[in-house]
Structure formats: structure tokens, C-alpha cells
Amino acid sequence: MHTTPKKKTVAPPKPSLAPTRTSRRPPPLKPVRKLFGTDGIRGVANEKPMVPELALALGRAVTFVAGQGKAHAPRILIGTDPRLSGYRLETAIAAGICSMGGRVILCGPIPTPAVAHLTTSMRADLGIVISASHNPYMDNGIKLFGQDGFTLPDEVEADIERLMESDTLGHRTTGPGIGRAEKFEDSRGRYVSFVKGTFPRELTLEGVRIAVDAAHGAAYRVAPLVFQELGAHLFATGVKPNGVNINKDVGALHPDNLRAEVVKRTCDVGIALDGDADRLIVVDEKGQVVDGDVVMALCSAALIREGKLAKKTLVATVMSNLGLERAMSGLGGRLVRTQVGDRYVVEAMRKGGYNLGGEQSGHLVFLDHATTGDGLVAALQVLALMVRSGRPLSVLATEAMERVPQLLENVSLPGRRPIEEMALLSKGIAKVERELGDEGRVLVRWSGTESKLRIMLEGPDEDVLRARSKDLAELARKDLA
């Protein structure tokens, strides 16, 4: 029987809620890690850190952690998107797992949320996604899910990093103790069945004309199957991956082609996914984009009417539009905000006992159905609202919320300093906040990876927002001169 060295158990994280919308500073950052960011490890494929050597070391470390306290050899599930570099990283990670006696379940190209779901349904000890999500094909990434289907806590990722750099993993297995890798032939079918199960059984998509853009990504096969098997008249694009065209002018980040397709085919709705299908952008029958904020407003209203929105609370990030907060207030509910990153949305949902949350960018988490953002699950919730109401999506979206003008600007600077230590900028922020009052909002934060200041302003007058944004950018430059 395979055994692993004993190791101190890692305590679970204690996520905390972020400040309310009026705070100009983002919530406190999580402990700094060298490799893992808010969405796993990311980088240019075949450049550090995204090299086979790291993938091999990661495979060994996660097997060690996954085997803690277990009498059986760890079972680890791996899914990828179709980008060129994925297969090389998959092989390296699998080799690391097998060298530690772990068993590998290879799922092939499947969406990120499929890995989360299958990790739990297959009773695996860990799930690994090899994908850079919405990034171009030159990049790649690695993301980890625990056996409960949720992303690993920051503290556990930090522990994995330490193990990768140390010699405390013990001896590699030999003889019959060496692990093996097996292909999971029905991974896509199992996921399609799960997703369809989140659509109300009394409803059908018969007669609904849907255009779907799978971004030449991980959902290129499963997305068409889901909608077709529910009866939709489907027009599919972005379903011919060749390893280098993922996210290229298609998908959730580039919805213009889908907008044109919806109008051309006289569709009722368009569904745009990103490369790993964990985010969703919807297009209405007029070819207008319906972003994550509007979808959350729509779904929150429906769940409140049905008495199913836990504590009448929606969780979103500091980037969500002020109009969403006002819409929730009008429904008798409330909005809780977190720092940017869907993992922090999920942490707040779990801590507070909430069941709906997401990001303006289209990461939408329906915790009653899934443990992470799932573009297909979210799409079916929108389609259920449309079918039940019998009304066009453009009308539903207009009624859901009134968007407040929002301006976003990224300012490249020669260095960085805590915002509270930038005297001129801090005074400028306070002045703009006083000027906007309850009619607007100010958020200024540093990029997590670059010397860029991200300025977000909301208010009734776009010209005023544009002028104030330039003022704040100039003050920041003077602070760092």
C-alpha cells in the first residue's frame, strides 16, 4: 500500500468581506506568493515560470499535499484547454504525480468548471486545470481545485510553493508503487449531463434561436451539445480550435463577431464564452452586450421573487457598477463587495452563506449549482428567465438595472507606492469623492502585476469623470516624480 510522510495539516483560510462601495481603497491583499496569483499560476508558455520543470515539481508537491492523512494513493484529475502548450504541461504534471505514486485521471480539453465538478463527482483528491483562460495562446496557466471543488486556499498554495523549493517530499516511489495515468473517456458527457441538470426540468429550449461563441476554447464541443440537447436551434462559432486561435478575436472578450451573428441569424440570444468557459457575456436579440452586472441583476430579481436568494444578498467586486447596487436596494436586497477576483467572491459567499455572486467581466457563481464560475450554467439561468417570461432579453435587461456612467483608466507610472502614502493623490481622491457625493464612486488601486494605477470613476456626467480621471493621473505622476 502506498504511504506518504506525515506532514502538519494546513489550516483552512479565514476569508473576510471587503469594505463597502464608498471605500476608495481595495481590501487588504492576501499573503504574497511567488507563483500563485488570484487565478493560479500564469505566464508565457515555455518561459519561466510556465516551463515543464515547474510543472513536474508542481505535480510532485500537489501529490504530497493531496496524500496527507490518506491510506490510498492520491487520485488527481487533469483537464486542459486546446492551446498548443497544454499537452506538454499536462505530460510534465502527470509525470510528477506518478513519480510520487499518485493516480492521474486525464480528461482532455474540458472547461475549468468541468474540472471542479468532476473532481467532486469522481471523488478525486485534487483537480488541476491547465489553461490561461481568456489570455492569448502564447500564455498558459495552472489552477488547482480541492476535493470539495473549490479553489485551494491561499495558505495551501503557499505551502505547495514551499514544498516545490524544498527537499522534504520524501523518496520517489519505485516498482509497483509508481503511479499511472488513465484517460477518462466520458469526461465531456458527464459534464454536459451535469450542466443540463441545472436547467429547470419543466422548461425546454425548443424554438429558441441561439448563437454561441466558444472562443475556440475548452467548451468547443460541450457548449453546442448542451444547447442542442435542450432543443435549441443553434448557430455555433469559435468551435474549431487549432492550438493557436484560442480567444483570437472571438469569445467573451471580443463579442463583436457574435453580435453580428445574432443579428444576421435573427437569434433570440447570443452566448459568448472565454477560453476556459468560466465566464459569460450575453448578447441580446438586437446585438447589444449584456454584461455580468446586468445578468446578476436579472438573476437576483428572479431569485428574490422566488424567495431563493440567500439573505437577499448578492456578492460582487468593487468593479461592479453602482447601478447594480441601486438595483439590489430597489429589490429590498443588498450588495456585498469584495476585492477583484472571482476567488474572493466565492470566499465571501461561503463565509456569509450567500448563493449568488460574480464579476462584471462575466464570472458568475451560482453556488446552488457550482463551486466556481461557470459560463454554461450561467447561460442556462438567463435562458430560463427568458423562456419563463416570454419577453425579449433586451427588455428584461433594460428593466433589470440602470447603468451609471463608468470610466476606467490604466495609468503607467515609473514606480509604485502605497496610495495612502501618496499625499497629492490621496487629497485628490478625497476631493473627487466630495464632488460626486452619493451620485458617484471613486476607486483607485494598483495593478497586481504591473506599475499601473487603475482609476475607476462613476457618476452622472461622463465629461466630468474624464476630466477628474486626468486630474488624478497627473497627481499620481507628481507624487512619484
Protein backbone atom coordinates (compact mmCIF):
# COMPACT_ATOMS: atom_id res chain seq x y z
CA MET A 1 0.00 0.00 0.00
CA HIS A 2 1.26 3.45 -0.86
CA THR A 3 2.15 5.64 2.10
CA THR A 4 3.32 9.24 2.31
CA PRO A 5 5.31 11.03 5.01
CA LYS A 6 3.30 12.73 7.70
CA LYS A 7 3.06 16.47 7.46
CA LYS A 8 1.49 19.19 9.52
CA THR A 9 -2.12 19.78 8.47
CA VAL A 10 -2.72 23.13 6.83
CA ALA A 11 -5.47 25.13 8.49
CA PRO A 12 -8.34 26.34 6.28
CA PRO A 13 -8.41 30.01 5.30
CA LYS A 14 -10.45 32.68 7.02
CA PRO A 15 -11.78 34.84 4.20
CA SER A 16 -13.02 38.30 5.08
CA LEU A 17 -15.52 40.58 3.45
CA ALA A 18 -14.37 43.70 1.66
CA PRO A 19 -15.31 47.27 2.56
CA THR A 20 -18.44 48.88 1.12
CA ARG A 21 -18.61 50.76 -2.15
CA THR A 22 -17.71 54.11 -0.65
CA SER A 23 -14.18 52.98 0.28
CA ARG A 24 -11.62 54.26 -2.17
CA ARG A 25 -9.03 51.65 -1.20
CA PRO A 26 -9.25 47.96 -2.08
CA PRO A 27 -9.48 45.39 0.71
CA PRO A 28 -6.26 44.04 2.29
CA LEU A 29 -4.35 41.76 -0.02
CA LYS A 30 -3.89 38.06 0.67
CA PRO A 31 -0.46 36.72 1.69
CA VAL A 32 2.08 37.25 -1.08
CA ARG A 33 3.03 34.15 -3.05
CA LYS A 34 5.77 33.93 -5.65
CA LEU A 35 3.96 31.76 -8.19
CA PHE A 36 0.25 31.67 -7.48
CA GLY A 37 -1.86 34.73 -8.26
CA THR A 38 -5.59 35.29 -7.94
CA ASP A 39 -6.24 32.67 -10.62
CA GLY A 40 -3.41 30.17 -10.28
CA ILE A 41 -0.02 30.31 -11.96
CA ARG A 42 0.17 32.24 -15.24
CA GLY A 43 2.90 33.07 -17.73
CA VAL A 44 4.20 32.79 -21.28
CA ALA A 45 4.41 29.13 -22.22
CA ASN A 46 7.99 27.81 -22.24
CA GLU A 47 9.26 30.79 -20.28
CA LYS A 48 9.63 30.75 -16.50
CA PRO A 49 7.54 30.02 -14.59
CA MET A 50 5.45 28.22 -17.20
CA VAL A 51 8.06 25.55 -18.05
CA PRO A 52 7.94 21.74 -17.84
CA GLU A 53 10.41 21.69 -14.95
CA LEU A 54 8.00 23.72 -12.81
CA ALA A 55 5.07 21.55 -13.90
CA LEU A 56 6.97 18.42 -12.87
CA ALA A 57 7.82 19.90 -9.45
CA LEU A 58 4.23 21.08 -9.01
CA GLY A 59 2.94 17.59 -9.80
CA ARG A 60 5.14 16.12 -7.07
CA ALA A 61 4.21 18.78 -4.50
CA VAL A 62 0.44 18.60 -5.02
CA THR A 63 0.55 14.80 -4.79
CA PHE A 64 2.34 15.08 -1.46
CA VAL A 65 -0.29 17.52 -0.17
CA ALA A 66 -3.24 15.57 -1.62
CA GLY A 67 -1.98 12.39 0.05
CA GLN A 68 -1.89 13.88 3.54
CA GLY A 69 -3.71 11.64 6.00
CA LYS A 70 -4.98 9.24 3.32
CA ALA A 71 -4.45 5.50 3.17
CA HIS A 72 -4.89 5.38 -0.61
CA ALA A 73 -2.74 6.72 -3.42
CA PRO A 74 -3.94 10.25 -4.31
CA ARG A 75 -6.24 10.43 -7.33
CA ILE A 76 -5.70 13.65 -9.27
CA LEU A 77 -7.80 14.81 -12.20
CA ILE A 78 -6.33 16.97 -15.00
CA GLY A 79 -8.22 18.97 -17.62
CA THR A 80 -6.87 21.35 -20.27
CA ASP A 81 -7.98 23.83 -22.86
CA PRO A 82 -6.92 23.30 -26.51
CA ARG A 83 -3.95 25.69 -26.61
CA LEU A 84 -0.74 24.31 -28.10
CA SER A 85 1.34 24.24 -24.94
CA GLY A 86 -1.22 22.44 -22.80
CA TYR A 87 -0.27 18.91 -23.75
CA ARG A 88 3.39 19.46 -22.82
CA LEU A 89 2.48 20.79 -19.38
CA GLU A 90 -0.08 18.03 -18.89
CA THR A 91 2.58 15.38 -19.52
CA ALA A 92 5.04 17.02 -17.13
CA ILE A 93 2.49 17.37 -14.32
CA ALA A 94 1.32 13.79 -14.80
CA ALA A 95 4.93 12.58 -14.62
CA GLY A 96 5.42 14.40 -11.32
CA ILE A 97 2.22 12.92 -9.89
CA CYS A 98 3.14 9.38 -10.97
CA SER A 99 6.66 9.73 -9.56
CA MET A 100 5.06 10.23 -6.13
CA GLY A 101 2.75 7.25 -6.55
CA GLY A 102 -0.33 9.24 -7.46
CA ARG A 103 -3.00 8.18 -9.96
CA VAL A 104 -3.79 10.58 -12.81
CA ILE A 105 -7.19 10.92 -14.48
CA LEU A 106 -6.74 12.65 -17.85
CA CYS A 107 -9.89 14.44 -19.05
CA GLY A 108 -8.52 16.17 -22.15
CA PRO A 109 -9.87 19.57 -23.24
CA ILE A 110 -12.77 20.49 -20.95
CA PRO A 111 -13.90 23.73 -19.28
CA THR A 112 -12.41 24.86 -15.97
CA PRO A 113 -15.76 24.43 -14.16
CA ALA A 114 -15.95 20.89 -15.54
CA VAL A 115 -12.74 20.06 -13.69
CA ALA A 116 -14.19 21.47 -10.47
CA HIS A 117 -17.37 19.43 -10.91
CA LEU A 118 -15.66 16.19 -11.91
CA THR A 119 -13.17 16.44 -9.06
CA THR A 120 -16.07 16.11 -6.62
CA SER A 121 -18.23 13.68 -8.62
CA MET A 122 -15.26 11.37 -9.26
CA ARG A 123 -14.20 11.60 -5.57
CA ALA A 124 -10.77 12.76 -6.69
CA ASP A 125 -8.35 14.22 -4.14
CA LEU A 126 -7.38 17.18 -6.34
CA GLY A 127 -8.28 18.78 -9.66
CA ILE A 128 -5.81 20.55 -11.95
CA VAL A 129 -6.72 22.88 -14.82
CA ILE A 130 -4.12 23.73 -17.47
CA SER A 131 -5.42 26.91 -19.06
CA ALA A 132 -4.72 30.63 -19.31
CA SER A 133 -8.45 31.35 -19.54
CA HIS A 134 -9.01 34.48 -21.67
CA ASN A 135 -5.29 35.06 -22.43
CA PRO A 136 -3.83 34.54 -25.94
CA TYR A 137 -2.48 31.14 -26.94
CA MET A 138 1.15 32.05 -26.15
CA ASP A 139 0.29 32.07 -22.44
CA ASN A 140 -0.71 29.20 -20.22
CA GLY A 141 -1.60 28.63 -16.61
CA ILE A 142 -2.22 26.08 -13.89
CA LYS A 143 -5.10 26.25 -11.43
CA LEU A 144 -5.87 23.87 -8.56
CA PHE A 145 -9.16 22.69 -7.06
CA GLY A 146 -9.53 20.84 -3.77
CA GLN A 147 -11.60 17.68 -3.42
CA ASP A 148 -14.58 19.87 -2.49
CA GLY A 149 -14.46 21.54 -5.93
CA PHE A 150 -13.33 24.92 -4.61
CA THR A 151 -10.02 26.60 -5.43
CA LEU A 152 -7.34 25.88 -2.87
CA PRO A 153 -6.91 28.44 -0.06
CA ASP A 154 -4.04 30.90 -0.42
CA GLU A 155 -2.28 29.31 2.54
CA VAL A 156 -2.29 25.87 0.92
CA GLU A 157 -0.95 27.30 -2.35
CA ALA A 158 1.84 28.97 -0.37
CA ASP A 159 2.59 25.64 1.28
CA ILE A 160 2.79 23.96 -2.14
CA GLU A 161 5.26 26.61 -3.28
CA ARG A 162 7.48 25.90 -0.29
CA LEU A 163 7.39 22.19 -0.99
CA MET A 164 8.40 22.78 -4.62
CA GLU A 165 11.53 24.55 -3.40
CA SER A 166 12.44 22.07 -0.68
CA ASP A 167 13.73 18.50 -0.40
CA THR A 168 11.09 17.37 2.09
CA LEU A 169 8.86 15.43 -0.30
CA GLY A 170 10.42 12.08 0.59
CA HIS A 171 11.51 9.30 -1.70
CA ARG A 172 10.03 8.77 -5.13
CA THR A 173 8.09 5.55 -5.41
CA THR A 174 9.52 2.55 -7.23
CA GLY A 175 8.27 -0.79 -8.52
CA PRO A 176 4.52 -1.30 -8.13
CA GLY A 177 4.28 1.94 -6.13
CA ILE A 178 4.80 4.08 -9.23
CA GLY A 179 1.60 5.84 -10.23
CA ARG A 180 -0.24 5.54 -13.51
CA ALA A 181 -2.20 7.84 -15.81
CA GLU A 182 -5.53 6.85 -17.34
CA LYS A 183 -7.76 8.66 -19.80
CA PHE A 184 -11.31 9.49 -18.69
CA GLU A 185 -13.20 8.81 -21.89
CA ASP A 186 -16.57 10.28 -20.86
CA SER A 187 -15.44 13.46 -19.13
CA ARG A 188 -17.33 15.69 -21.57
CA GLY A 189 -20.51 13.63 -21.41
CA ARG A 190 -20.55 13.66 -17.63
CA TYR A 191 -20.16 17.45 -17.59
CA VAL A 192 -22.83 18.04 -20.24
CA SER A 193 -25.27 15.96 -18.20
CA PHE A 194 -24.48 18.00 -15.08
CA VAL A 195 -24.94 21.36 -16.82
CA LYS A 196 -28.25 20.34 -18.38
CA GLY A 197 -29.43 19.35 -14.90
CA THR A 198 -29.22 22.98 -13.77
CA PHE A 199 -31.91 23.97 -16.30
CA PRO A 200 -35.49 23.64 -14.94
CA ARG A 201 -36.89 20.25 -15.94
CA GLU A 202 -40.28 21.72 -16.87
CA LEU A 203 -38.71 24.01 -19.48
CA THR A 204 -37.27 23.43 -22.93
CA LEU A 205 -35.30 25.49 -25.44
CA GLU A 206 -37.45 24.31 -28.35
CA GLY A 207 -37.88 27.20 -30.80
CA VAL A 208 -35.18 29.36 -29.15
CA ARG A 209 -32.58 30.57 -31.64
CA ILE A 210 -29.16 30.75 -30.01
CA ALA A 211 -25.79 31.85 -31.34
CA VAL A 212 -22.87 30.55 -29.26
CA ASP A 213 -19.20 31.55 -29.49
CA ALA A 214 -16.92 29.08 -27.68
CA ALA A 215 -13.74 31.14 -28.34
CA HIS A 216 -12.04 28.13 -29.96
CA GLY A 217 -11.56 27.08 -26.36
CA ALA A 218 -12.28 24.35 -23.87
CA ALA A 219 -16.06 24.36 -24.47
CA TYR A 220 -15.83 23.92 -28.23
CA ARG A 221 -17.59 20.54 -28.00
CA VAL A 222 -19.63 20.72 -24.81
CA ALA A 223 -21.29 24.11 -25.40
CA PRO A 224 -23.08 23.12 -28.63
CA LEU A 225 -24.15 19.81 -27.06
CA VAL A 226 -25.73 21.47 -24.03
CA PHE A 227 -27.94 23.81 -26.06
CA GLN A 228 -28.78 21.33 -28.80
CA GLU A 229 -29.78 18.59 -26.37
CA LEU A 230 -32.15 21.03 -24.68
CA GLY A 231 -33.82 21.66 -28.03
CA ALA A 232 -32.35 24.98 -29.20
CA HIS A 233 -31.88 25.98 -32.82
CA LEU A 234 -28.13 26.58 -32.60
CA PHE A 235 -25.60 28.59 -34.61
CA ALA A 236 -22.10 27.79 -33.33
CA THR A 237 -18.90 29.75 -33.91
CA GLY A 238 -15.50 29.56 -32.25
CA VAL A 239 -15.67 25.76 -32.23
CA LYS A 240 -12.64 24.91 -34.40
CA PRO A 241 -9.55 25.12 -32.17
CA ASN A 242 -6.17 24.57 -33.80
CA GLY A 243 -3.96 25.24 -30.80
CA VAL A 244 -3.15 28.85 -31.68
CA ASN A 245 -6.52 30.53 -32.29
CA ILE A 246 -7.98 30.37 -28.77
CA ASN A 247 -9.54 33.75 -27.81
CA LYS A 248 -8.24 35.33 -31.02
CA ASP A 249 -10.86 37.98 -31.90
CA VAL A 250 -13.59 35.69 -30.56
CA GLY A 251 -15.35 34.84 -27.33
CA ALA A 252 -16.33 36.84 -24.27
CA LEU A 253 -13.53 39.38 -24.67
CA HIS A 254 -14.32 40.02 -28.35
CA PRO A 255 -18.12 39.81 -28.73
CA ASP A 256 -18.43 41.85 -31.94
CA ASN A 257 -18.50 38.78 -34.20
CA LEU A 258 -21.19 37.22 -32.06
CA ARG A 259 -23.19 40.44 -32.08
CA ALA A 260 -23.15 40.40 -35.88
CA GLU A 261 -24.08 36.70 -35.94
CA VAL A 262 -27.06 37.25 -33.64
CA VAL A 263 -28.45 39.97 -35.90
CA LYS A 264 -27.67 38.08 -39.12
CA ARG A 265 -29.33 34.87 -37.93
CA THR A 266 -32.20 36.69 -36.16
CA CYS A 267 -31.33 34.92 -32.93
CA ASP A 268 -33.06 35.42 -29.61
CA VAL A 269 -29.78 35.50 -27.72
CA GLY A 270 -26.03 35.14 -28.12
CA ILE A 271 -23.77 33.31 -25.66
CA ALA A 272 -20.05 34.22 -25.61
CA LEU A 273 -17.62 32.16 -23.52
CA ASP A 274 -13.92 32.65 -22.92
CA GLY A 275 -11.10 30.16 -23.46
CA ASP A 276 -11.82 28.03 -20.41
CA ALA A 277 -15.58 28.74 -20.33
CA ASP A 278 -15.70 30.05 -16.77
CA ARG A 279 -17.06 33.43 -17.84
CA LEU A 280 -20.06 34.53 -19.86
CA ILE A 281 -21.04 37.58 -21.87
CA VAL A 282 -24.58 37.64 -23.22
CA VAL A 283 -25.82 39.42 -26.35
CA ASP A 284 -29.50 40.31 -26.71
CA GLU A 285 -31.61 39.93 -29.85
CA LYS A 286 -30.61 43.43 -31.01
CA GLY A 287 -26.91 42.63 -30.85
CA GLN A 288 -26.35 44.60 -27.63
CA VAL A 289 -23.93 43.31 -25.00
CA VAL A 290 -25.41 42.30 -21.64
CA ASP A 291 -22.52 42.11 -19.17
CA GLY A 292 -22.13 40.30 -15.87
CA ASP A 293 -23.62 43.13 -13.80
CA VAL A 294 -26.88 43.03 -15.74
CA VAL A 295 -27.04 39.25 -15.60
CA MET A 296 -26.56 39.38 -11.83
CA ALA A 297 -29.33 41.98 -11.54
CA LEU A 298 -31.67 39.82 -13.63
CA CYS A 299 -30.98 36.66 -11.69
CA SER A 300 -31.10 38.38 -8.30
CA ALA A 301 -34.54 39.78 -9.06
CA ALA A 302 -35.84 36.36 -10.10
CA LEU A 303 -34.39 34.63 -7.03
CA ILE A 304 -35.79 37.28 -4.69
CA ARG A 305 -39.24 36.86 -6.25
CA GLU A 306 -38.97 33.11 -5.66
CA GLY A 307 -37.59 33.55 -2.14
CA LYS A 308 -34.38 31.77 -3.16
CA LEU A 309 -31.70 34.48 -2.92
CA ALA A 310 -29.94 33.67 0.34
CA LYS A 311 -30.31 36.56 2.79
CA LYS A 312 -31.41 38.70 -0.17
CA THR A 313 -27.73 39.35 -0.78
CA LEU A 314 -25.62 39.46 -3.93
CA VAL A 315 -21.81 39.36 -3.81
CA ALA A 316 -19.82 41.31 -6.42
CA THR A 317 -16.44 43.04 -6.64
CA VAL A 318 -15.50 46.67 -6.21
CA MET A 319 -15.60 46.97 -10.02
CA SER A 320 -19.33 46.29 -10.40
CA ASN A 321 -21.41 49.26 -11.49
CA LEU A 322 -23.13 51.47 -8.95
CA GLY A 323 -26.34 50.79 -10.86
CA LEU A 324 -26.21 47.17 -9.67
CA GLU A 325 -26.09 48.30 -6.04
CA ARG A 326 -29.06 50.59 -6.60
CA ALA A 327 -30.97 47.79 -8.34
CA MET A 328 -30.41 45.49 -5.36
CA SER A 329 -31.59 48.19 -2.97
CA GLY A 330 -34.71 48.65 -5.06
CA LEU A 331 -35.42 44.93 -4.75
CA GLY A 332 -35.14 45.09 -0.98
CA GLY A 333 -31.80 43.33 -1.10
CA ARG A 334 -28.18 44.34 -0.68
CA LEU A 335 -24.83 44.11 -2.41
CA VAL A 336 -21.65 42.95 -0.65
CA ARG A 337 -18.42 43.89 -2.42
CA THR A 338 -15.05 42.11 -2.43
CA GLN A 339 -11.66 42.81 -3.96
CA VAL A 340 -11.20 41.95 -7.63
CA GLY A 341 -11.02 38.22 -8.36
CA ASP A 342 -13.71 35.56 -8.53
CA ARG A 343 -11.95 33.51 -5.82
CA TYR A 344 -12.60 36.34 -3.36
CA VAL A 345 -16.23 36.49 -4.43
CA VAL A 346 -16.56 32.78 -3.67
CA GLU A 347 -14.80 33.16 -0.31
CA ALA A 348 -17.24 35.89 0.73
CA MET A 349 -20.21 33.81 -0.46
CA ARG A 350 -19.10 30.81 1.57
CA LYS A 351 -18.39 32.84 4.68
CA GLY A 352 -21.66 34.76 4.54
CA GLY A 353 -23.88 31.90 3.42
CA TYR A 354 -24.80 33.58 0.11
CA ASN A 355 -25.64 31.72 -3.09
CA LEU A 356 -25.16 34.22 -5.94
CA GLY A 357 -22.16 36.34 -6.84
CA GLY A 358 -19.86 37.31 -9.66
CA GLU A 359 -17.95 39.92 -11.58
CA GLN A 360 -18.85 42.49 -14.19
CA SER A 361 -16.48 40.66 -16.56
CA GLY A 362 -18.80 37.65 -16.62
CA HIS A 363 -17.51 35.32 -13.92
CA LEU A 364 -20.85 34.29 -12.40
CA VAL A 365 -21.13 31.89 -9.49
CA PHE A 366 -24.40 30.10 -8.75
CA LEU A 367 -23.35 28.33 -5.58
CA ASP A 368 -26.53 26.23 -5.52
CA HIS A 369 -25.24 24.56 -8.69
CA ALA A 370 -21.47 25.00 -8.96
CA THR A 371 -18.40 25.77 -6.86
CA THR A 372 -16.82 28.19 -9.32
CA GLY A 373 -17.73 30.49 -12.20
CA ASP A 374 -19.42 28.51 -14.97
CA GLY A 375 -20.36 30.20 -18.23
CA LEU A 376 -22.74 27.46 -19.37
CA VAL A 377 -24.56 27.17 -16.05
CA ALA A 378 -24.96 30.96 -16.01
CA ALA A 379 -26.22 30.98 -19.60
CA LEU A 380 -28.92 28.45 -18.77
CA GLN A 381 -30.14 30.56 -15.85
CA VAL A 382 -30.58 33.52 -18.21
CA LEU A 383 -32.31 31.34 -20.80
CA ALA A 384 -34.70 30.01 -18.15
CA LEU A 385 -35.71 33.61 -17.30
CA MET A 386 -36.30 34.35 -20.99
CA VAL A 387 -38.36 31.24 -21.59
CA ARG A 388 -40.50 31.73 -18.49
CA SER A 389 -41.19 35.38 -19.22
CA GLY A 390 -41.66 35.06 -22.98
CA ARG A 391 -40.13 38.53 -23.31
CA PRO A 392 -37.08 39.68 -25.31
CA LEU A 393 -33.79 39.83 -23.45
CA SER A 394 -33.34 43.50 -24.40
CA VAL A 395 -36.49 44.37 -22.43
CA LEU A 396 -35.54 42.22 -19.45
CA ALA A 397 -32.05 43.75 -19.34
CA THR A 398 -33.33 47.32 -19.50
CA GLU A 399 -35.71 46.68 -16.63
CA ALA A 400 -33.08 44.90 -14.52
CA MET A 401 -30.84 47.91 -13.81
CA GLU A 402 -29.93 51.39 -14.94
CA ARG A 403 -26.21 51.65 -15.51
CA VAL A 404 -24.32 54.61 -14.04
CA PRO A 405 -21.66 56.01 -16.43
CA GLN A 406 -18.36 54.37 -15.54
CA LEU A 407 -14.88 55.35 -16.67
CA LEU A 408 -11.86 53.04 -16.37
CA GLU A 409 -8.30 54.22 -16.99
CA ASN A 410 -4.93 52.49 -16.57
CA VAL A 411 -2.02 54.83 -15.89
CA SER A 412 1.55 53.54 -16.39
CA LEU A 413 3.92 55.01 -13.81
CA PRO A 414 7.68 54.78 -13.20
CA GLY A 415 7.25 53.15 -9.79
CA ARG A 416 4.69 52.37 -7.14
CA ARG A 417 3.97 53.37 -3.57
CA PRO A 418 1.05 52.67 -1.22
CA ILE A 419 -1.77 55.01 -2.19
CA GLU A 420 -2.16 56.26 1.36
CA GLU A 421 1.46 57.45 1.21
CA MET A 422 0.82 59.45 -1.99
CA ALA A 423 -0.26 62.73 -0.44
CA LEU A 424 -1.32 64.60 -3.59
CA LEU A 425 -3.27 61.66 -4.98
CA SER A 426 -4.99 60.97 -1.65
CA LYS A 427 -6.13 64.59 -1.38
CA GLY A 428 -7.31 64.49 -4.98
CA ILE A 429 -9.32 61.34 -4.38
CA ALA A 430 -10.99 62.87 -1.34
CA LYS A 431 -11.86 65.98 -3.35
CA VAL A 432 -13.46 63.97 -6.18
CA GLU A 433 -15.41 61.88 -3.67
CA ARG A 434 -16.83 65.03 -2.13
CA GLU A 435 -17.74 66.36 -5.57
CA LEU A 436 -19.53 63.18 -6.63
CA GLY A 437 -21.18 62.54 -3.28
CA ASP A 438 -23.86 59.84 -3.33
CA GLU A 439 -24.19 60.20 -7.10
CA GLY A 440 -20.87 58.54 -7.83
CA ARG A 441 -17.96 56.42 -6.71
CA VAL A 442 -14.15 56.52 -6.80
CA LEU A 443 -11.85 53.50 -6.77
CA VAL A 444 -8.09 53.84 -7.24
CA ARG A 445 -5.90 50.77 -6.92
CA TRP A 446 -2.61 49.36 -8.14
CA SER A 447 -2.43 46.55 -10.68
CA GLY A 448 -1.46 43.29 -9.05
CA THR A 449 1.37 42.65 -11.50
CA GLU A 450 2.45 45.95 -13.09
CA SER A 451 3.35 49.54 -12.17
CA LYS A 452 -0.05 50.67 -13.36
CA LEU A 453 -2.56 52.68 -11.40
CA ARG A 454 -6.12 51.67 -12.15
CA ILE A 455 -8.57 54.55 -11.82
CA MET A 456 -12.30 53.86 -11.85
CA LEU A 457 -14.83 56.69 -11.59
CA GLU A 458 -18.62 56.56 -11.67
CA GLY A 459 -21.04 59.46 -11.83
CA PRO A 460 -23.84 61.07 -13.83
CA ASP A 461 -21.62 63.13 -16.19
CA GLU A 462 -19.05 61.32 -18.36
CA ASP A 463 -17.25 64.55 -19.27
CA VAL A 464 -16.71 65.32 -15.59
CA LEU A 465 -15.46 61.77 -14.98
CA ARG A 466 -12.98 62.05 -17.85
CA ALA A 467 -11.61 65.35 -16.56
CA ARG A 468 -11.32 64.11 -12.97
CA SER A 469 -9.58 60.95 -14.12
CA LYS A 470 -6.92 63.02 -15.86
CA ASP A 471 -6.54 65.14 -12.73
CA LEU A 472 -5.95 62.08 -10.56
CA ALA A 473 -3.48 60.59 -13.03
CA GLU A 474 -1.47 63.83 -13.04
CA LEU A 475 -1.43 63.96 -9.24
CA ALA A 476 -0.12 60.40 -9.12
CA ARG A 477 2.69 61.31 -11.53
CA LYS A 478 3.68 64.27 -9.32
CA ASP A 479 3.68 62.06 -6.23
CA LEU A 480 6.15 59.71 -7.88
CA ALA A 481 8.29 62.38 -9.61
